[in-house]
């Protein structure tokens, strides 16, 4: 595995920002901390994150990565947990004050994103190079926000289990024919346990995104013992609507209204319509169900900003989302992917003009051919691409490497890089 970006240097940079950090408003922190507590308490992982949660309530700064709660996350997501935990530890040791590692669960993304509802098991004998575990979505479902989808029925998760068992037999045969690294018995059992636990998790949660996030929390926090906070963004977004609208108002004033900075979430069908929220009343009509809605006026941040909403009416787009992380959520640094460099540069530039300081490290986790995995011989380009990119299901990497070996490789890969050309972006 490899990571791009000088993590050691970035930790030093982050430590400087940690020393200068001033906590966000206590009321904002309480909203976020309460949502985080509720998530971990429901999931049985509260004790695993007790220390960082207490530090956050006390005003400690955050290093975060943000992503939608995918079905059986791929390697890059798992690697980000190891990255933010290690960066937080390094920065805390240098700055001599607590730093909180956190995963921002972007559960107001559109459900149609392929990686959100599909998980790929590499298979050179399949037409597309992989066997797919999928949560079936209707055309309407694809346009809905992730938090609105119901948890899958037992029949769907039973099919996933049967598909996984068939895949293991196919892969054993394919590994001999195509010179693939074989599955390990211990790893395959760990993957089967993970899939079984996911099925159990859905029974305790009403939505698909909550179940995915809860399953990942138990895997990261309990099984691997990584004390990374899970913060489901839709919950605080509903309570912090006034603050978000104030940020959007300032964005429009500073950057103009040539683009939109947020989504309006229809309370009738849970689809999204692009708009730029302001503090003034706005009349909207849903693009999909045509339901009319008036997003009423809101007070300035100095006069309040908290609402009693349970579900958000406003969800920030990527640019505004990142700026909100730094202004509202106590973030001092974040990690992302090499493919997001253009966005990171734009966010940095806009943040500088608005007086919001950002620092982002771009990292890609992938497998190298000279390491533990052997790739398929013959015309298996799709399978090879999937494996090398780290986009295969966590079940695949567990089956190949085993539970502890995978964790060790992800953690050790973070610091196998030089200071020559790092891809961090900071102001």
Protein backbone atom coordinates (compact mmCIF):
# COMPACT_ATOMS: atom_id res chain seq x y z
CA UNK A 1 0.00 0.00 0.00
CA UNK A 2 1.11 3.58 -0.51
CA UNK A 3 0.09 7.03 0.59
CA UNK A 4 0.82 10.25 -1.26
CA UNK A 5 1.51 13.37 0.80
CA UNK A 6 4.05 14.06 3.52
CA UNK A 7 2.14 13.02 6.62
CA UNK A 8 4.98 13.78 9.06
CA UNK A 9 5.37 17.33 7.74
CA UNK A 10 1.59 17.76 7.69
CA UNK A 11 1.43 16.71 11.35
CA UNK A 12 3.95 19.45 12.18
CA UNK A 13 1.91 22.00 10.25
CA UNK A 14 -1.25 20.85 12.01
CA UNK A 15 0.43 21.14 15.41
CA UNK A 16 1.07 24.83 14.71
CA UNK A 17 -2.61 25.29 13.92
CA UNK A 18 -3.55 23.35 17.07
CA UNK A 19 -1.51 25.73 19.24
CA UNK A 20 -3.34 28.72 17.76
CA UNK A 21 -6.80 27.12 17.82
CA UNK A 22 -9.70 28.89 19.52
CA UNK A 23 -12.77 26.73 20.29
CA UNK A 24 -16.04 27.33 18.49
CA UNK A 25 -19.09 28.52 20.43
CA UNK A 26 -20.07 26.25 23.29
CA UNK A 27 -23.64 25.97 21.98
CA UNK A 28 -22.44 24.75 18.59
CA UNK A 29 -20.07 22.23 20.17
CA UNK A 30 -22.89 20.92 22.37
CA UNK A 31 -25.16 20.31 19.35
CA UNK A 32 -22.41 18.36 17.57
CA UNK A 33 -21.29 16.48 20.69
CA UNK A 34 -24.86 15.49 21.58
CA UNK A 35 -25.45 14.11 18.06
CA UNK A 36 -22.18 12.19 18.27
CA UNK A 37 -23.01 10.83 21.72
CA UNK A 38 -26.43 9.64 20.58
CA UNK A 39 -24.90 7.84 17.58
CA UNK A 40 -22.26 5.99 19.62
CA UNK A 41 -24.63 5.26 22.50
CA UNK A 42 -27.17 3.61 20.17
CA UNK A 43 -24.39 1.63 18.56
CA UNK A 44 -22.68 0.38 21.72
CA UNK A 45 -19.38 2.16 20.93
CA UNK A 46 -19.63 5.07 23.38
CA UNK A 47 -17.02 3.63 25.74
CA UNK A 48 -14.62 3.19 22.80
CA UNK A 49 -14.63 6.95 22.07
CA UNK A 50 -15.10 8.34 25.59
CA UNK A 51 -11.77 10.20 25.69
CA UNK A 52 -11.96 12.03 22.31
CA UNK A 53 -15.64 12.84 22.91
CA UNK A 54 -14.80 14.43 26.27
CA UNK A 55 -11.96 16.35 24.64
CA UNK A 56 -14.31 17.63 21.94
CA UNK A 57 -16.84 18.82 24.50
CA UNK A 58 -13.99 20.65 26.24
CA UNK A 59 -13.12 22.50 23.03
CA UNK A 60 -10.29 20.41 21.56
CA UNK A 61 -9.59 20.87 17.82
CA UNK A 62 -10.50 18.22 15.24
CA UNK A 63 -8.71 16.45 12.41
CA UNK A 64 -11.37 14.94 10.17
CA UNK A 65 -12.12 13.18 6.96
CA UNK A 66 -15.59 13.30 5.45
CA UNK A 67 -17.37 10.74 3.28
CA UNK A 68 -20.77 9.19 2.70
CA UNK A 69 -21.44 5.98 4.69
CA UNK A 70 -20.82 3.45 1.94
CA UNK A 71 -21.97 -0.14 1.88
CA UNK A 72 -19.00 -2.24 3.12
CA UNK A 73 -16.45 0.53 2.62
CA UNK A 74 -13.46 0.11 0.34
CA UNK A 75 -9.77 0.32 1.21
CA UNK A 76 -9.43 4.10 0.85
CA UNK A 77 -12.07 4.70 3.52
CA UNK A 78 -10.51 2.25 5.97
CA UNK A 79 -7.12 3.87 5.38
CA UNK A 80 -8.48 7.32 6.23
CA UNK A 81 -9.34 6.13 9.74
CA UNK A 82 -5.76 5.05 10.36
CA UNK A 83 -4.56 8.33 8.87
CA UNK A 84 -6.65 10.73 10.97
CA UNK A 85 -5.93 8.76 14.15
CA UNK A 86 -2.17 8.84 13.57
CA UNK A 87 -2.16 12.50 12.52
CA UNK A 88 -4.16 13.43 15.62
CA UNK A 89 -1.72 11.58 17.87
CA UNK A 90 1.33 13.15 16.21
CA UNK A 91 -0.12 16.66 16.29
CA UNK A 92 -1.19 16.27 19.93
CA UNK A 93 2.29 15.08 20.94
CA UNK A 94 3.91 18.06 19.21
CA UNK A 95 1.41 20.71 20.36
CA UNK A 96 1.01 19.24 23.86
CA UNK A 97 -2.79 19.49 23.82
CA UNK A 98 -5.54 17.02 22.85
CA UNK A 99 -6.54 16.66 19.18
CA UNK A 100 -9.70 14.77 18.21
CA UNK A 101 -9.75 12.38 15.21
CA UNK A 102 -13.18 12.31 13.56
CA UNK A 103 -15.12 10.87 10.64
CA UNK A 104 -17.80 13.22 9.34
CA UNK A 105 -20.61 10.98 8.07
CA UNK A 106 -21.97 12.81 5.01
CA UNK A 107 -25.44 11.29 5.13
CA UNK A 108 -27.14 14.06 3.12
CA UNK A 109 -25.37 13.08 -0.12
CA UNK A 110 -27.47 11.77 -3.01
CA UNK A 111 -28.21 8.06 -2.65
CA UNK A 112 -27.52 7.33 -6.32
CA UNK A 113 -23.74 7.47 -5.81
CA UNK A 114 -22.53 4.03 -6.92
CA UNK A 115 -20.12 3.49 -4.03
CA UNK A 116 -22.81 4.32 -1.50
CA UNK A 117 -25.10 1.44 -2.43
CA UNK A 118 -22.73 -1.03 -4.15
CA UNK A 119 -19.75 -3.02 -2.91
CA UNK A 120 -17.41 -4.81 -5.36
CA UNK A 121 -15.71 -8.19 -4.92
CA UNK A 122 -12.92 -8.54 -7.54
CA UNK A 123 -13.47 -11.54 -9.83
CA UNK A 124 -11.56 -12.00 -13.13
CA UNK A 125 -14.23 -14.40 -14.39
CA UNK A 126 -17.03 -11.83 -14.12
CA UNK A 127 -17.84 -9.71 -17.16
CA UNK A 128 -17.25 -6.45 -15.30
CA UNK A 129 -14.28 -7.77 -13.35
CA UNK A 130 -16.21 -7.99 -10.09
CA UNK A 131 -19.17 -9.53 -8.30
CA UNK A 132 -21.47 -6.84 -6.91
CA UNK A 133 -23.33 -6.64 -3.61
CA UNK A 134 -26.00 -4.01 -4.21
CA UNK A 135 -28.87 -2.28 -2.44
CA UNK A 136 -31.43 -1.96 -5.26
CA UNK A 137 -32.69 1.57 -5.85
CA UNK A 138 -35.55 2.84 -7.95
CA UNK A 139 -35.06 5.84 -10.21
CA UNK A 140 -36.73 8.01 -7.56
CA UNK A 141 -34.59 6.54 -4.77
CA UNK A 142 -31.41 7.55 -6.61
CA UNK A 143 -32.35 11.21 -6.26
CA UNK A 144 -33.13 11.02 -2.54
CA UNK A 145 -30.78 11.96 0.25
CA UNK A 146 -28.92 9.04 1.80
CA UNK A 147 -30.47 9.45 5.26
CA UNK A 148 -33.99 8.90 3.89
CA UNK A 149 -33.51 5.34 2.53
CA UNK A 150 -34.95 2.54 4.63
CA UNK A 151 -32.70 -0.25 5.85
CA UNK A 152 -32.63 -3.18 3.41
CA UNK A 153 -35.02 -6.08 3.85
CA UNK A 154 -33.82 -9.43 5.17
CA UNK A 155 -34.22 -10.91 1.68
CA UNK A 156 -31.63 -8.48 0.31
CA UNK A 157 -29.04 -9.13 3.01
CA UNK A 158 -29.63 -12.90 2.71
CA UNK A 159 -28.84 -12.58 -0.98
CA UNK A 160 -25.62 -10.74 -0.13
CA UNK A 161 -24.56 -13.59 2.13
CA UNK A 162 -25.28 -16.19 -0.55
CA UNK A 163 -23.45 -14.08 -3.16
CA UNK A 164 -20.41 -13.77 -0.89
CA UNK A 165 -20.29 -17.55 -0.35
CA UNK A 166 -20.52 -18.16 -4.11
CA UNK A 167 -17.80 -15.58 -4.70
CA UNK A 168 -15.38 -17.30 -2.31
CA UNK A 169 -15.74 -20.57 -4.26
CA UNK A 170 -15.35 -18.79 -7.63
CA UNK A 171 -12.33 -16.91 -6.38
CA UNK A 172 -10.59 -20.05 -5.13
CA UNK A 173 -10.87 -21.52 -8.62
CA UNK A 174 -9.89 -18.24 -10.30
CA UNK A 175 -6.86 -17.76 -8.07
CA UNK A 176 -5.36 -20.99 -9.40
CA UNK A 177 -6.17 -20.23 -13.03
CA UNK A 178 -5.12 -16.56 -12.98
CA UNK A 179 -2.27 -16.61 -10.44
CA UNK A 180 -4.15 -14.51 -7.89
CA UNK A 181 -3.20 -14.32 -4.24
CA UNK A 182 -5.40 -16.95 -2.55
CA UNK A 183 -7.94 -16.24 0.14
CA UNK A 184 -6.92 -17.07 3.68
CA UNK A 185 -9.13 -19.16 5.92
CA UNK A 186 -8.83 -16.71 8.82
CA UNK A 187 -9.46 -13.73 6.55
CA UNK A 188 -12.49 -15.27 4.84
CA UNK A 189 -14.04 -16.04 8.21
CA UNK A 190 -13.41 -12.45 9.37
CA UNK A 191 -15.15 -11.17 6.23
CA UNK A 192 -18.11 -13.50 6.73
CA UNK A 193 -18.43 -12.33 10.36
CA UNK A 194 -18.34 -8.69 9.20
CA UNK A 195 -21.14 -9.34 6.70
CA UNK A 196 -23.20 -11.21 9.30
CA UNK A 197 -22.79 -8.33 11.75
CA UNK A 198 -23.93 -5.87 9.08
CA UNK A 199 -27.16 -7.84 8.67
CA UNK A 200 -27.70 -7.71 12.44
CA UNK A 201 -26.94 -3.97 12.52
CA UNK A 202 -29.67 -3.17 9.98
CA UNK A 203 -32.23 -4.75 12.30
CA UNK A 204 -31.42 -2.10 14.91
CA UNK A 205 -31.48 0.89 12.55
CA UNK A 206 -34.27 2.34 10.47
CA UNK A 207 -32.15 3.64 7.59
CA UNK A 208 -29.54 2.27 5.21
CA UNK A 209 -27.04 5.06 5.92
CA UNK A 210 -27.38 4.74 9.71
CA UNK A 211 -26.84 0.98 9.46
CA UNK A 212 -23.74 1.38 7.27
CA UNK A 213 -22.23 3.99 9.59
CA UNK A 214 -23.06 1.98 12.72
CA UNK A 215 -21.50 -1.18 11.28
CA UNK A 216 -18.36 0.72 10.33
CA UNK A 217 -18.20 2.27 13.81
CA UNK A 218 -18.26 -1.12 15.48
CA UNK A 219 -15.56 -2.35 13.11
CA UNK A 220 -13.29 0.70 13.55
CA UNK A 221 -13.97 1.62 17.18
CA UNK A 222 -14.51 -1.80 18.78
CA UNK A 223 -12.86 -4.44 16.58
CA UNK A 224 -9.81 -2.38 15.59
CA UNK A 225 -9.80 -0.20 18.71
CA UNK A 226 -9.40 3.12 16.86
CA UNK A 227 -11.01 5.93 18.94
CA UNK A 228 -12.25 7.97 15.97
CA UNK A 229 -15.48 9.94 16.54
CA UNK A 230 -18.36 9.34 14.11
CA UNK A 231 -20.34 12.56 13.54
CA UNK A 232 -23.50 12.11 11.39
CA UNK A 233 -23.76 15.51 9.69
CA UNK A 234 -27.49 15.57 8.96
CA UNK A 235 -28.33 15.86 12.66
CA UNK A 236 -26.27 18.96 13.56
CA UNK A 237 -27.04 20.47 10.13
CA UNK A 238 -30.71 20.56 11.09
CA UNK A 239 -29.98 22.33 14.39
CA UNK A 240 -27.36 24.72 12.96
CA UNK A 241 -29.43 25.95 10.03
CA UNK A 242 -29.05 29.60 10.96
CA UNK A 243 -25.27 29.35 11.04
CA UNK A 244 -25.19 27.58 7.69
CA UNK A 245 -27.46 30.17 6.11
CA UNK A 246 -25.27 32.96 7.46
CA UNK A 247 -22.19 31.29 5.91
CA UNK A 248 -24.01 30.92 2.58
CA UNK A 249 -25.07 34.55 2.75
CA UNK A 250 -21.45 35.64 3.23
CA UNK A 251 -20.30 33.32 0.45
CA UNK A 252 -22.79 34.85 -1.97
CA UNK A 253 -21.83 38.35 -0.91
CA UNK A 254 -18.10 37.66 -1.32
CA UNK A 255 -18.05 35.27 -4.30
CA UNK A 256 -21.22 36.26 -6.13
CA UNK A 257 -24.27 34.21 -7.06
CA UNK A 258 -22.97 32.64 -10.28
CA UNK A 259 -23.05 29.29 -8.51
CA UNK A 260 -25.10 27.74 -5.72
CA UNK A 261 -23.59 26.77 -2.40
CA UNK A 262 -26.17 24.47 -0.85
CA UNK A 263 -29.00 22.01 -1.38
CA UNK A 264 -32.58 22.46 -0.28
CA UNK A 265 -33.91 19.10 0.94
CA UNK A 266 -37.59 18.62 0.20
CA UNK A 267 -39.44 17.51 3.37
CA UNK A 268 -41.98 15.64 1.21
CA UNK A 269 -39.82 13.43 -1.04
CA UNK A 270 -36.29 14.01 0.40
CA UNK A 271 -34.75 14.96 -2.95
CA UNK A 272 -32.36 17.90 -3.30
CA UNK A 273 -32.68 21.18 -5.21
CA UNK A 274 -29.66 23.45 -5.64
CA UNK A 275 -30.01 26.97 -4.24
CA UNK A 276 -28.09 29.58 -2.28
CA UNK A 277 -29.80 30.10 1.07
CA UNK A 278 -29.94 33.56 2.60
CA UNK A 279 -31.22 34.94 5.86
CA UNK A 280 -34.27 36.28 4.03
CA UNK A 281 -37.36 34.15 3.17
CA UNK A 282 -36.99 32.07 0.01
CA UNK A 283 -39.84 30.45 -1.94
CA UNK A 284 -38.87 27.15 -3.55
CA UNK A 285 -40.55 24.41 -5.52
CA UNK A 286 -39.15 20.87 -5.44
CA UNK A 287 -37.81 19.81 -8.85
CA UNK A 288 -39.14 16.27 -8.40
CA UNK A 289 -42.45 16.29 -6.54
CA UNK A 290 -43.27 19.97 -7.26
CA UNK A 291 -44.10 20.49 -3.61
CA UNK A 292 -43.96 24.20 -2.69
CA UNK A 293 -42.03 25.26 0.37
CA UNK A 294 -41.05 28.55 1.93
CA UNK A 295 -37.72 28.56 3.71
CA UNK A 296 -38.46 31.32 6.15
CA UNK A 297 -36.33 34.15 7.43
CA UNK A 298 -33.67 33.44 10.03
CA UNK A 299 -31.84 35.55 12.54
CA UNK A 300 -28.19 36.47 12.26
CA UNK A 301 -25.73 34.20 14.04
CA UNK A 302 -25.14 36.77 16.73
CA UNK A 303 -28.82 36.58 17.67
CA UNK A 304 -29.14 32.80 17.65
CA UNK A 305 -29.02 30.16 14.95
CA UNK A 306 -30.17 26.93 16.57
CA UNK A 307 -33.41 25.29 15.45
CA UNK A 308 -35.46 22.39 16.69
CA UNK A 309 -35.43 20.62 13.34
CA UNK A 310 -34.87 16.86 13.31
CA UNK A 311 -34.09 16.59 9.60
CA UNK A 312 -32.11 19.27 7.75
CA UNK A 313 -33.79 21.52 5.21
CA UNK A 314 -30.41 22.79 4.03
CA UNK A 315 -27.33 20.72 3.19
CA UNK A 316 -24.09 22.44 2.15
CA UNK A 317 -22.45 21.64 -1.17
CA UNK A 318 -18.80 20.57 -1.07
CA UNK A 319 -17.21 24.03 -0.98
CA UNK A 320 -19.51 25.37 1.72
CA UNK A 321 -19.35 22.04 3.56
CA UNK A 322 -15.56 22.25 3.88
CA UNK A 323 -15.63 25.87 5.02
CA UNK A 324 -18.32 25.02 7.58
CA UNK A 325 -16.05 22.29 8.97
CA UNK A 326 -13.41 24.87 9.82
CA UNK A 327 -15.73 27.65 10.98
CA UNK A 328 -18.36 25.68 12.91
CA UNK A 329 -17.09 22.18 13.68
CA UNK A 330 -13.70 23.01 15.19
CA UNK A 331 -11.63 21.45 12.39
CA UNK A 332 -7.96 22.49 12.15
CA UNK A 333 -7.00 20.04 9.39
CA UNK A 334 -8.58 17.44 7.14
CA UNK A 335 -7.60 14.58 4.89
CA UNK A 336 -8.94 13.66 1.48
CA UNK A 337 -8.00 12.02 -1.80
CA UNK A 338 -5.61 12.83 -4.63
CA UNK A 339 -8.61 13.21 -6.94
CA UNK A 340 -9.85 16.09 -4.81
CA UNK A 341 -6.84 18.37 -5.26
CA UNK A 342 -8.68 20.82 -7.55
CA UNK A 343 -11.45 21.22 -4.99
CA UNK A 344 -8.89 21.64 -2.19
CA UNK A 345 -7.17 24.46 -4.08
CA UNK A 346 -10.46 26.26 -4.75
CA UNK A 347 -11.59 25.91 -1.14
CA UNK A 348 -8.26 27.25 0.07
CA UNK A 349 -8.54 30.29 -2.21
CA UNK A 350 -12.15 31.05 -1.25
CA UNK A 351 -11.34 30.50 2.42
CA UNK A 352 -8.46 32.98 2.26
CA UNK A 353 -10.75 35.63 0.79
CA UNK A 354 -13.30 35.01 3.57
CA UNK A 355 -10.78 34.80 6.40
CA UNK A 356 -11.34 31.07 6.97
CA UNK A 357 -8.07 29.13 7.25
CA UNK A 358 -8.02 25.59 5.82
CA UNK A 359 -5.42 22.80 5.69
CA UNK A 360 -6.03 19.58 3.74
CA UNK A 361 -3.78 16.57 3.08
CA UNK A 362 -4.40 14.49 -0.05
CA UNK A 363 -3.76 10.77 0.38
CA UNK A 364 -4.38 7.77 -1.85
CA UNK A 365 -4.34 4.24 -0.42
CA UNK A 366 -3.65 1.55 -2.99
CA UNK A 367 -1.93 -1.79 -3.36
CA UNK A 368 1.45 -2.05 -5.05
CA UNK A 369 2.24 -4.99 -7.30
CA UNK A 370 5.48 -5.80 -5.49
CA UNK A 371 3.71 -6.27 -2.19
CA UNK A 372 1.45 -8.94 -0.83
CA UNK A 373 -1.16 -9.22 -3.58
CA UNK A 374 -0.59 -10.90 -6.92
CA UNK A 375 -2.74 -9.64 -9.76
CA UNK A 376 -4.62 -11.57 -12.37
CA UNK A 377 -2.87 -12.82 -15.50
CA UNK A 378 -4.52 -12.70 -18.89
CA UNK A 379 -7.22 -10.30 -20.05
CA UNK A 380 -8.30 -9.18 -16.56
CA UNK A 381 -7.73 -5.43 -16.77
CA UNK A 382 -10.92 -4.50 -14.92
CA UNK A 383 -10.14 -6.77 -11.99
CA UNK A 384 -6.54 -5.53 -11.87
CA UNK A 385 -7.65 -1.91 -11.93
CA UNK A 386 -10.15 -2.50 -9.13
CA UNK A 387 -7.58 -4.24 -6.92
CA UNK A 388 -4.76 -1.78 -7.54
CA UNK A 389 -6.97 1.24 -6.90
CA UNK A 390 -8.13 -0.08 -3.53
CA UNK A 391 -11.78 0.20 -4.64
CA UNK A 392 -12.72 -3.36 -3.80
CA UNK A 393 -15.04 -4.15 -0.90
CA UNK A 394 -13.58 -4.38 2.59
CA UNK A 395 -14.73 -8.01 2.47
CA UNK A 396 -12.17 -8.68 -0.28
CA UNK A 397 -9.19 -7.18 1.57
CA UNK A 398 -10.23 -8.92 4.79
CA UNK A 399 -10.44 -12.25 2.95
CA UNK A 400 -6.98 -11.81 1.46
CA UNK A 401 -5.04 -10.29 4.35
CA UNK A 402 -6.96 -11.09 7.52
CA UNK A 403 -8.21 -8.72 10.20
CA UNK A 404 -5.03 -7.70 12.00
CA UNK A 405 -2.72 -7.86 8.97
CA UNK A 406 -4.98 -5.43 7.10
CA UNK A 407 -5.01 -3.01 10.04
CA UNK A 408 -1.21 -3.14 10.38
CA UNK A 409 -0.66 -2.57 6.67
CA UNK A 410 -3.01 0.43 6.58
CA UNK A 411 -1.35 2.00 9.62
CA UNK A 412 2.23 1.38 8.48
CA UNK A 413 1.57 2.58 4.91
CA UNK A 414 0.79 6.10 6.13
CA UNK A 415 4.40 7.02 6.85
CA UNK A 416 6.14 5.31 3.91
CA UNK A 417 6.55 8.54 2.03
CA UNK A 418 9.25 11.16 1.63
CA UNK A 419 9.13 14.92 2.08
CA UNK A 420 10.01 15.52 -1.57
CA UNK A 421 6.68 16.28 -3.20
CA UNK A 422 3.75 16.32 -0.85
CA UNK A 423 0.27 17.27 -1.92
CA UNK A 424 -0.97 19.05 1.16
CA UNK A 425 -2.86 22.30 0.67
CA UNK A 426 -2.80 24.94 3.38
CA UNK A 427 -2.89 28.69 3.64
